[in-house]
Amino acid sequence: MNRKRVTRLLEVMGVETVYPKRSLSQPGEDHRIYPYLLKDLEICGPDQVWCSDITYVPMANGFMFLCATMDWWSRYVVGWELLNTQDSEFCIRTWEKGLEGGRTPLISNTDQGSQFTSEAYLEAVESAGVEVSMDGRGRWIDNRFIERLWRSVKQEDIYPQDYAIGLDAHRGLARWFTEYNQLRPHQALGNATPAELYHSPESYRARPAPWRWK
């Protein structure tokens, strides 16, 4: 049994491997530093904070990359992309997919990876009137909800399906994200689905105005 297979089985069982993992969060040279705005912030409605991240998708002959943007409060995935590159344009496409729904967050939170600290990505976010927040260096817990999303999608779809080609992976992930948003109740959300909370008129009215968190 090779190491790749062992790693998958261990992750499915919830056991962490101890050898180093490749990081997608390497900062670019001379990148701008933004503060982490979520510390002690009460997040009480949709579109108050969106979080974005990238992860690897292992394939038969290498890797593809999955980027997603999630509403922090409802856990609703507002946009995602699967490509064989991880440059800033990839992340911008994911961000713009979220905006296609006609809603804009107050804050965008990411790690300090070079894709998210690039001038092009920051311009895409700030031109929409959105405040930029960044995790502390190496602090995955600052973006913990999207890290949990990665764990779920890998254990439930990516590893069991063991995709060989990108088209199959895209189709499978499209099904998974639809079911996640529309059908999966979350105990932490009062057993509501992400879509129920995100699209609820009552919860949208609860979203704080910008002056409430500045």
N, C-alpha and C. Protein backbone atom coordinates (compact mmCIF):
# COMPACT_ATOMS: atom_id res chain seq x y z
N MET A 1 0.86 -1.19 0.00
CA MET A 1 0.00 0.00 0.00
C MET A 1 0.90 1.24 0.00
N ASN A 2 0.72 2.16 -0.98
CA ASN A 2 1.61 3.31 -1.05
C ASN A 2 1.21 4.40 -0.07
N ARG A 3 2.11 5.41 0.06
CA ARG A 3 1.90 6.45 1.05
C ARG A 3 0.64 7.26 0.77
N LYS A 4 0.35 7.49 -0.53
CA LYS A 4 -0.85 8.25 -0.88
C LYS A 4 -2.11 7.57 -0.36
N ARG A 5 -2.17 6.25 -0.53
CA ARG A 5 -3.33 5.49 -0.07
C ARG A 5 -3.41 5.51 1.45
N VAL A 6 -2.27 5.35 2.11
CA VAL A 6 -2.25 5.37 3.57
C VAL A 6 -2.73 6.72 4.09
N THR A 7 -2.25 7.80 3.46
CA THR A 7 -2.64 9.14 3.88
C THR A 7 -4.15 9.32 3.80
N ARG A 8 -4.75 8.84 2.71
CA ARG A 8 -6.20 9.00 2.55
C ARG A 8 -6.95 8.23 3.64
N LEU A 9 -6.52 7.01 3.90
CA LEU A 9 -7.20 6.21 4.91
C LEU A 9 -7.08 6.86 6.29
N LEU A 10 -5.90 7.38 6.60
CA LEU A 10 -5.71 8.03 7.89
C LEU A 10 -6.58 9.27 8.02
N GLU A 11 -6.71 10.05 6.95
CA GLU A 11 -7.52 11.25 7.03
C GLU A 11 -9.00 10.90 7.18
N VAL A 12 -9.44 9.86 6.49
CA VAL A 12 -10.83 9.42 6.63
C VAL A 12 -11.12 9.01 8.07
N MET A 13 -10.12 8.40 8.73
CA MET A 13 -10.29 7.98 10.11
C MET A 13 -10.05 9.11 11.10
N GLY A 14 -9.68 10.28 10.59
CA GLY A 14 -9.44 11.41 11.48
C GLY A 14 -8.08 11.40 12.13
N VAL A 15 -7.13 10.65 11.57
CA VAL A 15 -5.79 10.56 12.13
C VAL A 15 -4.87 11.45 11.31
N GLU A 16 -4.12 12.34 11.96
CA GLU A 16 -3.22 13.24 11.26
C GLU A 16 -1.92 12.55 10.92
N THR A 17 -1.44 12.76 9.70
CA THR A 17 -0.11 12.31 9.34
C THR A 17 0.92 13.25 9.95
N VAL A 18 2.15 12.77 10.13
CA VAL A 18 3.14 13.56 10.85
C VAL A 18 4.22 14.12 9.94
N TYR A 19 4.27 13.73 8.66
CA TYR A 19 5.27 14.31 7.79
C TYR A 19 4.77 15.63 7.23
N PRO A 20 5.68 16.53 6.81
CA PRO A 20 5.27 17.87 6.37
C PRO A 20 4.36 17.81 5.15
N LYS A 21 3.43 18.76 5.10
CA LYS A 21 2.53 18.88 3.97
C LYS A 21 2.89 20.12 3.16
N ARG A 22 2.69 20.05 1.84
CA ARG A 22 2.95 21.21 1.01
C ARG A 22 1.95 22.31 1.32
N SER A 23 2.43 23.53 1.40
CA SER A 23 1.57 24.65 1.77
C SER A 23 1.20 25.47 0.54
N LEU A 24 -0.07 25.89 0.50
CA LEU A 24 -0.52 26.78 -0.56
C LEU A 24 -0.58 28.21 -0.07
N SER A 25 -0.04 28.48 1.11
CA SER A 25 -0.18 29.79 1.75
C SER A 25 1.14 30.54 1.83
N GLN A 26 1.98 30.40 0.81
CA GLN A 26 3.25 31.12 0.81
C GLN A 26 3.02 32.57 0.39
N PRO A 27 3.43 33.54 1.23
CA PRO A 27 3.22 34.94 0.88
C PRO A 27 4.11 35.38 -0.26
N GLY A 28 3.62 36.35 -1.03
CA GLY A 28 4.43 36.92 -2.09
C GLY A 28 5.45 37.89 -1.52
N GLU A 29 6.42 38.26 -2.32
CA GLU A 29 7.43 39.20 -1.86
C GLU A 29 6.82 40.59 -1.70
N ASP A 30 7.17 41.24 -0.57
CA ASP A 30 6.75 42.62 -0.31
C ASP A 30 5.24 42.79 -0.38
N HIS A 31 4.50 41.76 0.01
CA HIS A 31 3.05 41.89 -0.05
C HIS A 31 2.53 42.78 1.07
N ARG A 32 1.39 43.40 0.81
CA ARG A 32 0.78 44.25 1.82
C ARG A 32 0.24 43.40 2.97
N ILE A 33 0.41 43.88 4.18
CA ILE A 33 -0.09 43.19 5.36
C ILE A 33 -1.41 43.84 5.79
N TYR A 34 -2.43 43.02 5.93
CA TYR A 34 -3.72 43.51 6.42
C TYR A 34 -4.00 42.89 7.78
N PRO A 35 -4.69 43.60 8.65
CA PRO A 35 -4.98 43.05 9.98
C PRO A 35 -6.05 41.97 9.92
N TYR A 36 -6.08 41.14 10.96
CA TYR A 36 -7.15 40.15 11.11
C TYR A 36 -8.31 40.84 11.81
N LEU A 37 -9.39 41.08 11.09
CA LEU A 37 -10.51 41.88 11.58
C LEU A 37 -11.55 41.09 12.36
N LEU A 38 -11.41 39.76 12.40
CA LEU A 38 -12.48 38.95 12.98
C LEU A 38 -12.31 38.69 14.47
N LYS A 39 -11.17 39.06 15.04
CA LYS A 39 -10.95 38.82 16.46
C LYS A 39 -11.96 39.60 17.28
N ASP A 40 -12.70 38.89 18.13
CA ASP A 40 -13.71 39.48 19.02
C ASP A 40 -14.87 40.12 18.25
N LEU A 41 -14.97 39.85 16.95
CA LEU A 41 -16.08 40.40 16.17
C LEU A 41 -17.29 39.49 16.27
N GLU A 42 -18.44 40.04 16.61
CA GLU A 42 -19.68 39.26 16.63
C GLU A 42 -20.22 39.16 15.21
N ILE A 43 -20.21 37.95 14.68
CA ILE A 43 -20.71 37.72 13.32
C ILE A 43 -22.14 37.22 13.44
N CYS A 44 -23.09 38.04 13.04
CA CYS A 44 -24.48 37.75 13.37
C CYS A 44 -25.41 37.74 12.17
N GLY A 45 -24.89 37.69 10.96
CA GLY A 45 -25.76 37.64 9.80
C GLY A 45 -24.99 37.32 8.54
N PRO A 46 -25.70 36.97 7.47
CA PRO A 46 -25.03 36.64 6.21
C PRO A 46 -24.39 37.87 5.58
N ASP A 47 -23.36 37.62 4.78
CA ASP A 47 -22.66 38.66 4.03
C ASP A 47 -21.93 39.66 4.92
N GLN A 48 -21.79 39.33 6.19
CA GLN A 48 -20.94 40.15 7.05
C GLN A 48 -19.47 39.81 6.77
N VAL A 49 -19.18 38.50 6.65
CA VAL A 49 -17.83 38.03 6.36
C VAL A 49 -17.90 36.89 5.35
N TRP A 50 -17.12 37.00 4.28
CA TRP A 50 -16.86 35.87 3.40
C TRP A 50 -15.41 35.45 3.61
N CYS A 51 -15.16 34.15 3.55
CA CYS A 51 -13.79 33.65 3.68
C CYS A 51 -13.46 32.82 2.43
N SER A 52 -12.20 32.89 2.01
CA SER A 52 -11.76 32.18 0.81
C SER A 52 -10.47 31.43 1.08
N ASP A 53 -10.28 30.33 0.35
CA ASP A 53 -9.06 29.53 0.54
C ASP A 53 -8.88 28.62 -0.68
N ILE A 54 -7.69 28.01 -0.77
CA ILE A 54 -7.35 27.06 -1.83
C ILE A 54 -6.88 25.76 -1.20
N THR A 55 -7.19 24.64 -1.86
CA THR A 55 -6.67 23.36 -1.41
C THR A 55 -6.30 22.50 -2.62
N TYR A 56 -5.49 21.47 -2.37
CA TYR A 56 -5.13 20.52 -3.41
C TYR A 56 -6.25 19.51 -3.64
N VAL A 57 -6.40 19.08 -4.89
CA VAL A 57 -7.25 17.95 -5.24
C VAL A 57 -6.36 16.91 -5.91
N PRO A 58 -6.00 15.82 -5.23
CA PRO A 58 -5.12 14.82 -5.85
C PRO A 58 -5.82 14.12 -7.01
N MET A 59 -5.11 13.98 -8.12
CA MET A 59 -5.62 13.30 -9.30
C MET A 59 -4.71 12.13 -9.63
N ALA A 60 -5.09 11.33 -10.60
CA ALA A 60 -4.32 10.14 -10.95
C ALA A 60 -2.90 10.50 -11.38
N ASN A 61 -2.74 11.63 -12.07
CA ASN A 61 -1.43 12.01 -12.59
C ASN A 61 -0.99 13.38 -12.10
N GLY A 62 -1.28 13.69 -10.86
CA GLY A 62 -0.85 14.98 -10.32
C GLY A 62 -1.91 15.61 -9.44
N PHE A 63 -2.06 16.93 -9.54
CA PHE A 63 -2.99 17.66 -8.70
C PHE A 63 -3.77 18.66 -9.53
N MET A 64 -4.98 18.98 -9.05
CA MET A 64 -5.69 20.18 -9.47
C MET A 64 -5.88 21.01 -8.20
N PHE A 65 -6.45 22.19 -8.37
CA PHE A 65 -6.59 23.10 -7.24
C PHE A 65 -8.04 23.54 -7.12
N LEU A 66 -8.53 23.54 -5.91
CA LEU A 66 -9.92 23.91 -5.62
C LEU A 66 -9.91 25.17 -4.77
N CYS A 67 -10.62 26.18 -5.24
CA CYS A 67 -10.76 27.43 -4.50
C CYS A 67 -12.24 27.63 -4.19
N ALA A 68 -12.53 28.08 -2.98
CA ALA A 68 -13.93 28.31 -2.60
C ALA A 68 -14.03 29.59 -1.78
N THR A 69 -15.19 30.23 -1.89
CA THR A 69 -15.53 31.38 -1.07
C THR A 69 -16.81 31.03 -0.32
N MET A 70 -16.77 31.19 0.99
CA MET A 70 -17.88 30.77 1.86
C MET A 70 -18.35 31.94 2.72
N ASP A 71 -19.66 32.03 2.91
CA ASP A 71 -20.22 32.97 3.88
C ASP A 71 -19.97 32.42 5.28
N TRP A 72 -19.26 33.17 6.09
CA TRP A 72 -18.81 32.69 7.41
C TRP A 72 -19.99 32.32 8.31
N TRP A 73 -21.01 33.15 8.34
CA TRP A 73 -22.09 32.96 9.31
C TRP A 73 -22.97 31.76 8.97
N SER A 74 -23.33 31.60 7.70
CA SER A 74 -24.26 30.53 7.30
C SER A 74 -23.55 29.29 6.78
N ARG A 75 -22.24 29.37 6.51
CA ARG A 75 -21.44 28.29 5.92
C ARG A 75 -21.82 28.03 4.45
N TYR A 76 -22.56 28.95 3.85
CA TYR A 76 -22.99 28.79 2.46
C TYR A 76 -21.82 29.07 1.52
N VAL A 77 -21.55 28.15 0.60
CA VAL A 77 -20.48 28.34 -0.38
C VAL A 77 -21.04 29.18 -1.52
N VAL A 78 -20.57 30.43 -1.61
CA VAL A 78 -21.12 31.35 -2.61
C VAL A 78 -20.44 31.20 -3.97
N GLY A 79 -19.25 30.59 -4.00
CA GLY A 79 -18.56 30.37 -5.27
C GLY A 79 -17.41 29.41 -5.11
N TRP A 80 -17.13 28.65 -6.18
CA TRP A 80 -15.98 27.75 -6.16
C TRP A 80 -15.49 27.54 -7.58
N GLU A 81 -14.21 27.17 -7.70
CA GLU A 81 -13.59 26.91 -9.00
C GLU A 81 -12.60 25.75 -8.85
N LEU A 82 -12.48 24.96 -9.90
CA LEU A 82 -11.51 23.87 -9.96
C LEU A 82 -10.67 24.06 -11.22
N LEU A 83 -9.35 24.23 -11.04
CA LEU A 83 -8.46 24.45 -12.18
C LEU A 83 -7.14 23.75 -11.94
N ASN A 84 -6.32 23.71 -12.99
CA ASN A 84 -5.00 23.10 -12.85
C ASN A 84 -3.92 24.13 -12.60
N THR A 85 -4.32 25.34 -12.21
CA THR A 85 -3.40 26.40 -11.84
C THR A 85 -3.87 27.03 -10.54
N GLN A 86 -2.97 27.71 -9.84
CA GLN A 86 -3.36 28.33 -8.57
C GLN A 86 -2.95 29.79 -8.54
N ASP A 87 -2.98 30.47 -9.69
CA ASP A 87 -2.58 31.87 -9.71
C ASP A 87 -3.72 32.77 -9.23
N SER A 88 -3.45 34.07 -9.17
CA SER A 88 -4.43 35.00 -8.61
C SER A 88 -5.70 35.08 -9.46
N GLU A 89 -5.58 34.90 -10.79
CA GLU A 89 -6.77 34.95 -11.64
C GLU A 89 -7.77 33.86 -11.27
N PHE A 90 -7.25 32.72 -10.86
CA PHE A 90 -8.08 31.61 -10.39
C PHE A 90 -8.92 32.05 -9.20
N CYS A 91 -8.27 32.73 -8.24
CA CYS A 91 -8.97 33.18 -7.04
C CYS A 91 -9.93 34.32 -7.35
N ILE A 92 -9.55 35.18 -8.29
CA ILE A 92 -10.44 36.27 -8.68
C ILE A 92 -11.71 35.71 -9.31
N ARG A 93 -11.59 34.70 -10.15
CA ARG A 93 -12.76 34.08 -10.76
C ARG A 93 -13.70 33.52 -9.70
N THR A 94 -13.14 32.91 -8.67
CA THR A 94 -13.95 32.37 -7.58
C THR A 94 -14.67 33.49 -6.85
N TRP A 95 -13.94 34.56 -6.54
CA TRP A 95 -14.52 35.72 -5.87
C TRP A 95 -15.66 36.32 -6.70
N GLU A 96 -15.44 36.47 -7.99
CA GLU A 96 -16.46 37.07 -8.85
C GLU A 96 -17.69 36.17 -8.98
N LYS A 97 -17.50 34.87 -8.90
CA LYS A 97 -18.65 33.97 -8.90
C LYS A 97 -19.56 34.25 -7.71
N GLY A 98 -18.95 34.52 -6.56
CA GLY A 98 -19.74 34.86 -5.39
C GLY A 98 -20.54 36.14 -5.60
N LEU A 99 -19.93 37.13 -6.23
CA LEU A 99 -20.61 38.40 -6.46
C LEU A 99 -21.73 38.29 -7.48
N GLU A 100 -21.69 37.25 -8.32
CA GLU A 100 -22.73 37.08 -9.34
C GLU A 100 -24.11 36.89 -8.72
N GLY A 101 -24.16 36.49 -7.46
CA GLY A 101 -25.45 36.33 -6.79
C GLY A 101 -26.09 37.65 -6.41
N GLY A 102 -25.39 38.76 -6.65
CA GLY A 102 -25.96 40.08 -6.38
C GLY A 102 -25.77 40.55 -4.96
N ARG A 103 -24.96 39.85 -4.18
CA ARG A 103 -24.72 40.23 -2.79
C ARG A 103 -23.22 40.41 -2.56
N THR A 104 -22.89 41.31 -1.64
CA THR A 104 -21.50 41.66 -1.37
C THR A 104 -21.26 41.64 0.13
N PRO A 105 -20.15 41.07 0.58
CA PRO A 105 -19.88 41.04 2.02
C PRO A 105 -19.31 42.37 2.51
N LEU A 106 -19.27 42.52 3.81
CA LEU A 106 -18.60 43.67 4.41
C LEU A 106 -17.10 43.42 4.52
N ILE A 107 -16.73 42.15 4.80
CA ILE A 107 -15.33 41.78 5.02
C ILE A 107 -15.01 40.54 4.20
N SER A 108 -13.82 40.51 3.62
CA SER A 108 -13.28 39.30 2.98
C SER A 108 -12.08 38.83 3.78
N ASN A 109 -12.11 37.58 4.25
CA ASN A 109 -11.00 37.05 5.04
C ASN A 109 -10.30 35.93 4.28
N THR A 110 -8.97 36.00 4.20
CA THR A 110 -8.15 34.97 3.56
C THR A 110 -6.88 34.77 4.38
N ASP A 111 -6.07 33.80 3.93
CA ASP A 111 -4.73 33.70 4.51
C ASP A 111 -3.81 34.68 3.76
N GLN A 112 -2.51 34.59 4.05
CA GLN A 112 -1.55 35.50 3.44
C GLN A 112 -0.85 34.90 2.22
N GLY A 113 -1.49 33.91 1.59
CA GLY A 113 -0.92 33.31 0.39
C GLY A 113 -0.75 34.33 -0.72
N SER A 114 0.19 34.06 -1.61
CA SER A 114 0.53 35.02 -2.66
C SER A 114 -0.65 35.32 -3.58
N GLN A 115 -1.56 34.35 -3.75
CA GLN A 115 -2.72 34.59 -4.61
C GLN A 115 -3.62 35.67 -4.01
N PHE A 116 -3.79 35.62 -2.69
CA PHE A 116 -4.71 36.55 -2.02
C PHE A 116 -4.05 37.88 -1.66
N THR A 117 -2.72 37.94 -1.71
CA THR A 117 -2.04 39.21 -1.44
C THR A 117 -1.59 39.90 -2.73
N SER A 118 -1.93 39.31 -3.87
CA SER A 118 -1.56 39.93 -5.14
C SER A 118 -2.36 41.22 -5.35
N GLU A 119 -1.77 42.15 -6.07
CA GLU A 119 -2.45 43.42 -6.33
C GLU A 119 -3.76 43.21 -7.08
N ALA A 120 -3.77 42.25 -8.01
CA ALA A 120 -4.97 42.01 -8.81
C ALA A 120 -6.12 41.51 -7.93
N TYR A 121 -5.82 40.57 -7.02
CA TYR A 121 -6.89 40.04 -6.17
C TYR A 121 -7.39 41.12 -5.21
N LEU A 122 -6.47 41.85 -4.59
CA LEU A 122 -6.87 42.88 -3.64
C LEU A 122 -7.69 43.97 -4.32
N GLU A 123 -7.34 44.29 -5.55
CA GLU A 123 -8.11 45.28 -6.31
C GLU A 123 -9.52 44.77 -6.57
N ALA A 124 -9.66 43.48 -6.88
CA ALA A 124 -10.99 42.91 -7.13
C ALA A 124 -11.86 42.99 -5.88
N VAL A 125 -11.27 42.77 -4.72
CA VAL A 125 -12.02 42.82 -3.47
C VAL A 125 -12.34 44.26 -3.07
N GLU A 126 -11.33 45.10 -3.05
CA GLU A 126 -11.52 46.46 -2.56
C GLU A 126 -12.35 47.31 -3.51
N SER A 127 -12.32 47.02 -4.80
CA SER A 127 -13.14 47.77 -5.74
C SER A 127 -14.62 47.51 -5.55
N ALA A 128 -14.95 46.40 -4.86
CA ALA A 128 -16.34 46.10 -4.54
C ALA A 128 -16.76 46.74 -3.22
N GLY A 129 -15.87 47.54 -2.62
CA GLY A 129 -16.18 48.20 -1.36
C GLY A 129 -16.08 47.30 -0.15
N VAL A 130 -15.25 46.25 -0.25
CA VAL A 130 -15.14 45.24 0.81
C VAL A 130 -13.84 45.44 1.58
N GLU A 131 -13.91 45.34 2.91
CA GLU A 131 -12.72 45.42 3.76
C GLU A 131 -11.94 44.11 3.67
N VAL A 132 -10.62 44.20 3.67
CA VAL A 132 -9.75 43.03 3.59
C VAL A 132 -9.26 42.64 4.98
N SER A 133 -9.41 41.36 5.31
CA SER A 133 -8.91 40.79 6.57
C SER A 133 -8.03 39.60 6.21
N MET A 134 -6.92 39.44 6.92
CA MET A 134 -6.02 38.31 6.66
C MET A 134 -5.66 37.59 7.94
N ASP A 135 -5.59 36.25 7.84
CA ASP A 135 -5.18 35.43 8.98
C ASP A 135 -3.76 35.79 9.40
N GLY A 136 -3.45 35.51 10.67
CA GLY A 136 -2.06 35.58 11.09
C GLY A 136 -1.25 34.51 10.38
N ARG A 137 0.02 34.77 10.17
CA ARG A 137 0.89 33.83 9.45
C ARG A 137 0.85 32.45 10.10
N GLY A 138 0.44 31.44 9.34
CA GLY A 138 0.42 30.07 9.83
C GLY A 138 -0.74 29.74 10.76
N ARG A 139 -1.71 30.65 10.91
CA ARG A 139 -2.82 30.42 11.85
C ARG A 139 -4.05 29.95 11.07
N TRP A 140 -4.12 28.64 10.79
CA TRP A 140 -5.26 28.09 10.05
C TRP A 140 -6.56 28.29 10.81
N ILE A 141 -6.49 28.35 12.14
CA ILE A 141 -7.72 28.47 12.94
C ILE A 141 -8.43 29.78 12.67
N ASP A 142 -7.70 30.79 12.17
CA ASP A 142 -8.33 32.07 11.85
C ASP A 142 -9.32 31.94 10.70
N ASN A 143 -9.22 30.88 9.92
CA ASN A 143 -10.14 30.63 8.81
C ASN A 143 -10.74 29.24 8.96
N ARG A 144 -11.11 28.89 10.17
CA ARG A 144 -11.41 27.50 10.54
C ARG A 144 -12.61 26.91 9.81
N PHE A 145 -13.61 27.70 9.46
CA PHE A 145 -14.80 27.11 8.85
C PHE A 145 -14.51 26.59 7.44
N ILE A 146 -13.69 27.30 6.70
CA ILE A 146 -13.37 26.79 5.37
C ILE A 146 -12.39 25.62 5.45
N GLU A 147 -11.57 25.56 6.51
CA GLU A 147 -10.72 24.39 6.72
C GLU A 147 -11.59 23.15 6.99
N ARG A 148 -12.68 23.33 7.72
CA ARG A 148 -13.61 22.22 7.95
C ARG A 148 -14.30 21.81 6.65
N LEU A 149 -14.59 22.79 5.80
CA LEU A 149 -15.17 22.48 4.49
C LEU A 149 -14.23 21.58 3.70
N TRP A 150 -12.94 21.92 3.68
CA TRP A 150 -11.97 21.08 2.95
C TRP A 150 -11.94 19.67 3.50
N ARG A 151 -11.95 19.53 4.80
CA ARG A 151 -11.93 18.19 5.40
C ARG A 151 -13.15 17.39 4.94
N SER A 152 -14.31 18.02 4.93
CA SER A 152 -15.54 17.31 4.55
C SER A 152 -15.53 16.91 3.08
N VAL A 153 -15.18 17.83 2.19
CA VAL A 153 -15.23 17.52 0.77
C VAL A 153 -14.20 16.47 0.39
N LYS A 154 -13.06 16.47 1.06
CA LYS A 154 -12.04 15.46 0.75
C LYS A 154 -12.45 14.08 1.26
N GLN A 155 -12.96 14.02 2.48
CA GLN A 155 -13.32 12.72 3.05
C GLN A 155 -14.56 12.13 2.38
N GLU A 156 -15.48 12.99 1.95
CA GLU A 156 -16.76 12.50 1.43
C GLU A 156 -16.80 12.36 -0.09
N ASP A 157 -15.93 13.09 -0.79
CA ASP A 157 -16.01 13.04 -2.25
C ASP A 157 -14.66 12.81 -2.92
N ILE A 158 -13.70 13.67 -2.67
CA ILE A 158 -12.44 13.63 -3.43
C ILE A 158 -11.70 12.32 -3.22
N TYR A 159 -11.49 11.91 -1.98
CA TYR A 159 -10.74 10.68 -1.72
C TYR A 159 -11.51 9.42 -2.14
N PRO A 160 -12.79 9.29 -1.77
CA PRO A 160 -13.51 8.08 -2.19
C PRO A 160 -13.65 7.95 -3.72
N GLN A 161 -13.85 9.07 -4.40
CA GLN A 161 -14.06 9.02 -5.85
C GLN A 161 -12.76 8.81 -6.61
N ASP A 162 -11.65 9.29 -6.06
CA ASP A 162 -10.33 9.09 -6.67
C ASP A 162 -10.35 9.47 -8.16
N TYR A 163 -10.71 10.72 -8.42
CA TYR A 163 -10.91 11.19 -9.79
C TYR A 163 -9.64 11.06 -10.63
N ALA A 164 -9.84 10.67 -11.89
CA ALA A 164 -8.72 10.53 -12.82
C ALA A 164 -8.60 11.71 -13.77
N ILE A 165 -9.74 12.33 -14.13
CA ILE A 165 -9.70 13.46 -15.06
C ILE A 165 -10.48 14.64 -14.48
N GLY A 166 -10.10 15.84 -14.92
CA GLY A 166 -10.68 17.05 -14.36
C GLY A 166 -12.16 17.19 -14.59
N LEU A 167 -12.67 16.78 -15.75
CA LEU A 167 -14.09 16.91 -16.04
C LEU A 167 -14.92 16.11 -15.05
N ASP A 168 -14.49 14.89 -14.76
CA ASP A 168 -15.22 14.08 -13.78
C ASP A 168 -15.17 14.72 -12.40
N ALA A 169 -14.01 15.26 -12.03
CA ALA A 169 -13.87 15.91 -10.73
C ALA A 169 -14.80 17.12 -10.64
N HIS A 170 -14.87 17.90 -11.70
CA HIS A 170 -15.73 19.09 -11.67
C HIS A 170 -17.20 18.69 -11.53
N ARG A 171 -17.62 17.67 -12.26
CA ARG A 171 -19.01 17.23 -12.16
C ARG A 171 -19.32 16.70 -10.76
N GLY A 172 -18.40 15.90 -10.22
CA GLY A 172 -18.63 15.35 -8.89
C GLY A 172 -18.66 16.42 -7.83
N LEU A 173 -17.75 17.39 -7.91
CA LEU A 173 -17.72 18.46 -6.93
C LEU A 173 -18.94 19.36 -7.05
N ALA A 174 -19.44 19.55 -8.26
CA ALA A 174 -20.66 20.34 -8.44
C ALA A 174 -21.83 19.69 -7.70
N ARG A 175 -21.93 18.38 -7.80
CA ARG A 175 -22.99 17.67 -7.06
C ARG A 175 -22.78 17.83 -5.56
N TRP A 176 -21.53 17.67 -5.12
CA TRP A 176 -21.25 17.72 -3.69
C TRP A 176 -21.58 19.09 -3.11
N PHE A 177 -21.15 20.15 -3.77
CA PHE A 177 -21.40 21.50 -3.25
C PHE A 177 -22.89 21.83 -3.27
N THR A 178 -23.62 21.35 -4.27
CA THR A 178 -25.06 21.58 -4.29
C THR A 178 -25.73 20.90 -3.10
N GLU A 179 -25.37 19.65 -2.86
CA GLU A 179 -25.94 18.93 -1.72
C GLU A 179 -25.53 19.57 -0.39
N TYR A 180 -24.28 20.01 -0.31
CA TYR A 180 -23.80 20.66 0.91
C TYR A 180 -24.61 21.93 1.20
N ASN A 181 -24.79 22.77 0.21
CA ASN A 181 -25.51 24.03 0.41
C ASN A 181 -26.99 23.83 0.66
N GLN A 182 -27.61 22.94 -0.12
CA GLN A 182 -29.07 22.85 -0.13
C GLN A 182 -29.65 21.81 0.82
N LEU A 183 -28.90 20.74 1.09
CA LEU A 183 -29.51 19.60 1.78
C LEU A 183 -28.90 19.26 3.13
N ARG A 184 -27.73 19.78 3.44
CA ARG A 184 -27.04 19.32 4.65
C ARG A 184 -27.35 20.21 5.85
N PRO A 185 -28.09 19.71 6.83
CA PRO A 185 -28.32 20.50 8.05
C PRO A 185 -27.06 20.53 8.91
N HIS A 186 -26.85 21.65 9.58
CA HIS A 186 -25.70 21.81 10.47
C HIS A 186 -26.21 21.96 11.90
N GLN A 187 -25.72 21.13 12.77
CA GLN A 187 -26.14 21.21 14.17
C GLN A 187 -25.82 22.58 14.75
N ALA A 188 -24.67 23.14 14.38
CA ALA A 188 -24.28 24.45 14.89
C ALA A 188 -25.17 25.57 14.37
N LEU A 189 -25.94 25.28 13.32
CA LEU A 189 -26.84 26.27 12.73
C LEU A 189 -28.29 25.98 13.09
N GLY A 190 -28.51 25.25 14.17
CA GLY A 190 -29.87 24.90 14.57
C GLY A 190 -30.51 23.91 13.63
N ASN A 191 -29.69 23.05 13.02
CA ASN A 191 -30.13 22.03 12.06
C ASN A 191 -30.72 22.63 10.78
N ALA A 192 -30.40 23.87 10.50
CA ALA A 192 -30.76 24.46 9.21
C ALA A 192 -29.66 24.15 8.20
N THR A 193 -30.00 24.21 6.93
CA THR A 193 -28.98 24.06 5.89
C THR A 193 -28.33 25.42 5.63
N PRO A 194 -27.13 25.45 5.06
CA PRO A 194 -26.53 26.74 4.72
C PRO A 194 -27.43 27.60 3.83
N ALA A 195 -28.08 26.99 2.85
CA ALA A 195 -28.94 27.76 1.95
C ALA A 195 -30.13 28.36 2.69
N GLU A 196 -30.72 27.61 3.61
CA GLU A 196 -31.86 28.13 4.36
C GLU A 196 -31.48 29.38 5.13
N LEU A 197 -30.31 29.36 5.76
CA LEU A 197 -29.89 30.53 6.52
C LEU A 197 -29.47 31.67 5.61
N TYR A 198 -28.70 31.35 4.59
CA TYR A 198 -28.16 32.42 3.75
C TYR A 198 -29.25 33.18 3.01
N HIS A 199 -30.29 32.47 2.59
CA HIS A 199 -31.35 33.10 1.80
C HIS A 199 -32.57 33.50 2.63
N SER A 200 -32.50 33.33 3.94
CA SER A 200 -33.62 33.70 4.80
C SER A 200 -33.75 35.21 4.90
N PRO A 201 -34.92 35.78 4.61
CA PRO A 201 -35.10 37.24 4.74
C PRO A 201 -34.83 37.73 6.16
N GLU A 202 -35.21 36.92 7.15
CA GLU A 202 -35.01 37.33 8.54
C GLU A 202 -33.53 37.45 8.87
N SER A 203 -32.74 36.47 8.43
CA SER A 203 -31.32 36.53 8.75
C SER A 203 -30.63 37.63 7.97
N TYR A 204 -31.09 37.91 6.76
CA TYR A 204 -30.47 38.99 5.98
C TYR A 204 -30.70 40.34 6.64
N ARG A 205 -31.89 40.53 7.21
CA ARG A 205 -32.17 41.79 7.89
C ARG A 205 -31.32 41.94 9.15
N ALA A 206 -30.84 40.80 9.69
CA ALA A 206 -30.01 40.85 10.90
C ALA A 206 -28.57 41.24 10.60
N ARG A 207 -28.20 41.30 9.33
CA ARG A 207 -26.83 41.65 8.98
C ARG A 207 -26.51 43.05 9.48
N PRO A 208 -25.37 43.24 10.17
CA PRO A 208 -25.05 44.55 10.70
C PRO A 208 -24.68 45.54 9.61
N ALA A 209 -25.05 46.79 9.83
CA ALA A 209 -24.59 47.85 8.94
C ALA A 209 -23.10 48.08 9.18
N PRO A 210 -22.39 48.61 8.19
CA PRO A 210 -20.94 48.76 8.35
C PRO A 210 -20.51 49.49 9.61
N TRP A 211 -21.25 50.50 10.03
CA TRP A 211 -20.83 51.26 11.20
C TRP A 211 -20.86 50.44 12.48
N ARG A 212 -21.54 49.29 12.47
CA ARG A 212 -21.66 48.50 13.70
C ARG A 212 -20.41 47.70 14.00
N TRP A 213 -19.56 47.49 13.01
CA TRP A 213 -18.36 46.71 13.29
C TRP A 213 -17.08 47.51 13.12
N LYS A 214 -17.15 48.72 12.64
CA LYS A 214 -15.93 49.53 12.51
C LYS A 214 -15.54 50.10 13.87
